[in-house]
C-alpha atoms as a PDB file:
ATOM      1  CA  MET A   1     -64.661  48.873  55.127  1.00  0.00           C
ATOM      2  CA  PRO A   2     -63.633  48.909  51.464  1.00  0.00           C
ATOM      3  CA  ALA A   3     -60.708  46.734  50.388  1.00  0.00           C
ATOM      4  CA  THR A   4     -57.617  48.493  49.089  1.00  0.00           C
ATOM      5  CA  LEU A   5     -56.050  47.024  45.992  1.00  0.00           C
ATOM      6  CA  THR A   6     -52.304  47.060  45.657  1.00  0.00           C
ATOM      7  CA  PRO A   7     -50.587  46.416  42.367  1.00  0.00           C
ATOM      8  CA  ALA A   8     -48.751  43.135  42.045  1.00  0.00           C
ATOM      9  CA  GLU A   9     -45.025  43.311  41.716  1.00  0.00           C
ATOM     10  CA  VAL A  10     -43.856  42.367  38.243  1.00  0.00           C
ATOM     11  CA  GLU A  11     -40.292  41.911  37.106  1.00  0.00           C
ATOM     12  CA  VAL A  12     -39.629  43.745  33.893  1.00  0.00           C
ATOM     13  CA  GLU A  13     -36.488  43.161  31.903  1.00  0.00           C
ATOM     14  CA  ALA A  14     -34.639  46.215  30.728  1.00  0.00           C
ATOM     15  CA  PRO A  15     -34.772  46.661  26.975  1.00  0.00           C
ATOM     16  CA  ARG A  16     -31.975  44.808  25.275  1.00  0.00           C
ATOM     17  CA  GLY A  17     -29.146  47.135  24.456  1.00  0.00           C
ATOM     18  CA  ALA A  18     -30.191  49.791  26.930  1.00  0.00           C
ATOM     19  CA  GLU A  19     -27.046  49.338  28.959  1.00  0.00           C
ATOM     20  CA  GLU A  20     -24.929  47.315  26.566  1.00  0.00           C
ATOM     21  CA  ARG A  21     -24.283  49.147  23.378  1.00  0.00           C
ATOM     22  CA  GLU A  22     -22.571  47.291  20.631  1.00  0.00           C
ATOM     23  CA  VAL A  23     -19.549  49.242  19.550  1.00  0.00           C
ATOM     24  CA  ASP A  24     -19.381  49.880  15.815  1.00  0.00           C
ATOM     25  CA  ARG A  25     -16.860  47.446  14.464  1.00  0.00           C
ATOM     26  CA  PRO A  26     -15.057  48.403  11.273  1.00  0.00           C
ATOM     27  CA  TRP A  27     -15.186  46.353   8.114  1.00  0.00           C
ATOM     28  CA  ILE A  28     -11.931  44.953   6.760  1.00  0.00           C
ATOM     29  CA  VAL A  29     -11.135  44.504   3.053  1.00  0.00           C
ATOM     30  CA  VAL A  30      -8.989  41.446   2.360  1.00  0.00           C
ATOM     31  CA  VAL A  31      -7.077  40.796  -0.866  1.00  0.00           C
ATOM     32  CA  TRP A  32      -6.430  37.123  -1.571  1.00  0.00           C
ATOM     33  CA  ASN A  33      -3.566  35.500  -3.438  1.00  0.00           C
ATOM     34  CA  ASP A  34      -4.257  34.310  -6.965  1.00  0.00           C
ATOM     35  CA  PRO A  35      -2.117  32.600  -9.612  1.00  0.00           C
ATOM     36  CA  ILE A  36      -3.025  35.118 -12.319  1.00  0.00           C
ATOM     37  CA  ASN A  37      -1.883  38.616 -11.390  1.00  0.00           C
ATOM     38  CA  LEU A  38       1.762  39.607 -11.322  1.00  0.00           C
ATOM     39  CA  MET A  39       3.160  40.849  -8.036  1.00  0.00           C
ATOM     40  CA  SER A  40       4.141  44.140  -9.666  1.00  0.00           C
ATOM     41  CA  TYR A  41       0.556  44.604 -10.888  1.00  0.00           C
ATOM     42  CA  VAL A  42      -0.883  44.012  -7.408  1.00  0.00           C
ATOM     43  CA  THR A  43       1.560  46.583  -6.016  1.00  0.00           C
ATOM     44  CA  LEU A  44       0.511  49.147  -8.635  1.00  0.00           C
ATOM     45  CA  VAL A  45      -3.204  48.560  -7.988  1.00  0.00           C
ATOM     46  CA  LEU A  46      -2.747  49.059  -4.239  1.00  0.00           C
ATOM     47  CA  GLN A  47      -0.855  52.292  -4.907  1.00  0.00           C
ATOM     48  CA  LYS A  48      -3.468  53.542  -7.363  1.00  0.00           C
ATOM     49  CA  LEU A  49      -6.603  52.665  -5.384  1.00  0.00           C
ATOM     50  CA  PHE A  50      -5.479  53.414  -1.839  1.00  0.00           C
ATOM     51  CA  GLY A  51      -2.697  55.950  -2.354  1.00  0.00           C
ATOM     52  CA  TYR A  52      -0.126  53.791  -0.598  1.00  0.00           C
ATOM     53  CA  ASP A  53       3.526  54.556  -1.204  1.00  0.00           C
ATOM     54  CA  LYS A  54       5.528  51.912  -3.021  1.00  0.00           C
ATOM     55  CA  ALA A  55       7.025  50.483   0.187  1.00  0.00           C
ATOM     56  CA  LYS A  56       3.638  49.917   1.879  1.00  0.00           C
ATOM     57  CA  ALA A  57       2.030  48.560  -1.295  1.00  0.00           C
ATOM     58  CA  THR A  58       4.971  46.173  -1.750  1.00  0.00           C
ATOM     59  CA  ARG A  59       4.755  45.033   1.888  1.00  0.00           C
ATOM     60  CA  LEU A  60       1.017  44.281   1.492  1.00  0.00           C
ATOM     61  CA  MET A  61       1.597  42.500  -1.833  1.00  0.00           C
ATOM     62  CA  LEU A  62       4.288  40.320  -0.252  1.00  0.00           C
ATOM     63  CA  GLN A  63       1.938  39.489   2.609  1.00  0.00           C
ATOM     64  CA  VAL A  64      -0.672  38.396   0.060  1.00  0.00           C
ATOM     65  CA  HIS A  65       1.963  36.360  -1.783  1.00  0.00           C
ATOM     66  CA  HIS A  66       3.455  34.635   1.273  1.00  0.00           C
ATOM     67  CA  GLU A  67       0.470  34.365   3.635  1.00  0.00           C
ATOM     68  CA  GLY A  68      -2.289  34.073   1.053  1.00  0.00           C
ATOM     69  CA  LYS A  69      -4.108  37.249   2.071  1.00  0.00           C
ATOM     70  CA  ALA A  70      -3.708  40.753   3.478  1.00  0.00           C
ATOM     71  CA  ALA A  71      -6.022  43.374   4.935  1.00  0.00           C
ATOM     72  CA  VAL A  72      -5.662  46.400   2.672  1.00  0.00           C
ATOM     73  CA  SER A  73      -8.302  48.810   4.006  1.00  0.00           C
ATOM     74  CA  SER A  74     -10.934  49.247   6.696  1.00  0.00           C
ATOM     75  CA  GLY A  75     -13.862  51.478   7.489  1.00  0.00           C
ATOM     76  CA  THR A  76     -17.620  51.559   7.177  1.00  0.00           C
ATOM     77  CA  ARG A  77     -19.522  48.823   5.398  1.00  0.00           C
ATOM     78  CA  GLU A  78     -20.228  51.144   2.477  1.00  0.00           C
ATOM     79  CA  LYS A  79     -16.533  52.021   2.098  1.00  0.00           C
ATOM     80  CA  ALA A  80     -15.559  48.338   2.263  1.00  0.00           C
ATOM     81  CA  GLU A  81     -18.138  47.440  -0.413  1.00  0.00           C
ATOM     82  CA  TYR A  82     -16.782  50.229  -2.609  1.00  0.00           C
ATOM     83  CA  ASP A  83     -13.165  49.113  -2.116  1.00  0.00           C
ATOM     84  CA  VAL A  84     -14.018  45.472  -2.902  1.00  0.00           C
ATOM     85  CA  ALA A  85     -15.820  46.540  -6.088  1.00  0.00           C
ATOM     86  CA  ARG A  86     -12.811  48.619  -7.190  1.00  0.00           C
ATOM     87  CA  LEU A  87     -10.421  45.731  -6.516  1.00  0.00           C
ATOM     88  CA  HIS A  88     -12.669  43.363  -8.493  1.00  0.00           C
ATOM     89  CA  ALA A  89     -12.752  45.886 -11.357  1.00  0.00           C
ATOM     90  CA  HIS A  90      -8.937  45.648 -11.442  1.00  0.00           C
ATOM     91  CA  GLY A  91      -9.025  41.837 -11.512  1.00  0.00           C
ATOM     92  CA  LEU A  92      -8.041  41.172  -7.908  1.00  0.00           C
ATOM     93  CA  TRP A  93      -9.834  38.720  -5.643  1.00  0.00           C
ATOM     94  CA  ALA A  94     -11.096  40.618  -2.586  1.00  0.00           C
ATOM     95  CA  THR A  95     -13.635  40.094   0.156  1.00  0.00           C
ATOM     96  CA  MET A  96     -14.807  42.013   3.202  1.00  0.00           C
ATOM     97  CA  ARG A  97     -15.546  40.994   6.770  1.00  0.00           C
ATOM     98  CA  GLN A  98     -16.446  42.711   9.971  1.00  0.00           C
ATOM     99  CA  ASP A  99     -13.494  42.988  12.356  1.00  0.00           C
END
């Protein structure tokens, strides 16, 4: 009588990320306080680059002034890199981080 072979049971892990998908997290652009730029200049730059009205630009500028930093925009990594480069071109200190 011939012997019947049965396959051995093997535990296989599901591919990583198959069930848990990492949600796209936006990138945040942060403007930092500096001792060089005037508050009125920072307000004007925020209005010019991001189209904020004077009240919102002033609120963000005051946050930078009093708290040392403020998040001024968010979006994809490419958009954040672009916004940081534009802020640097206007003499403001800015960085980006993933939220």
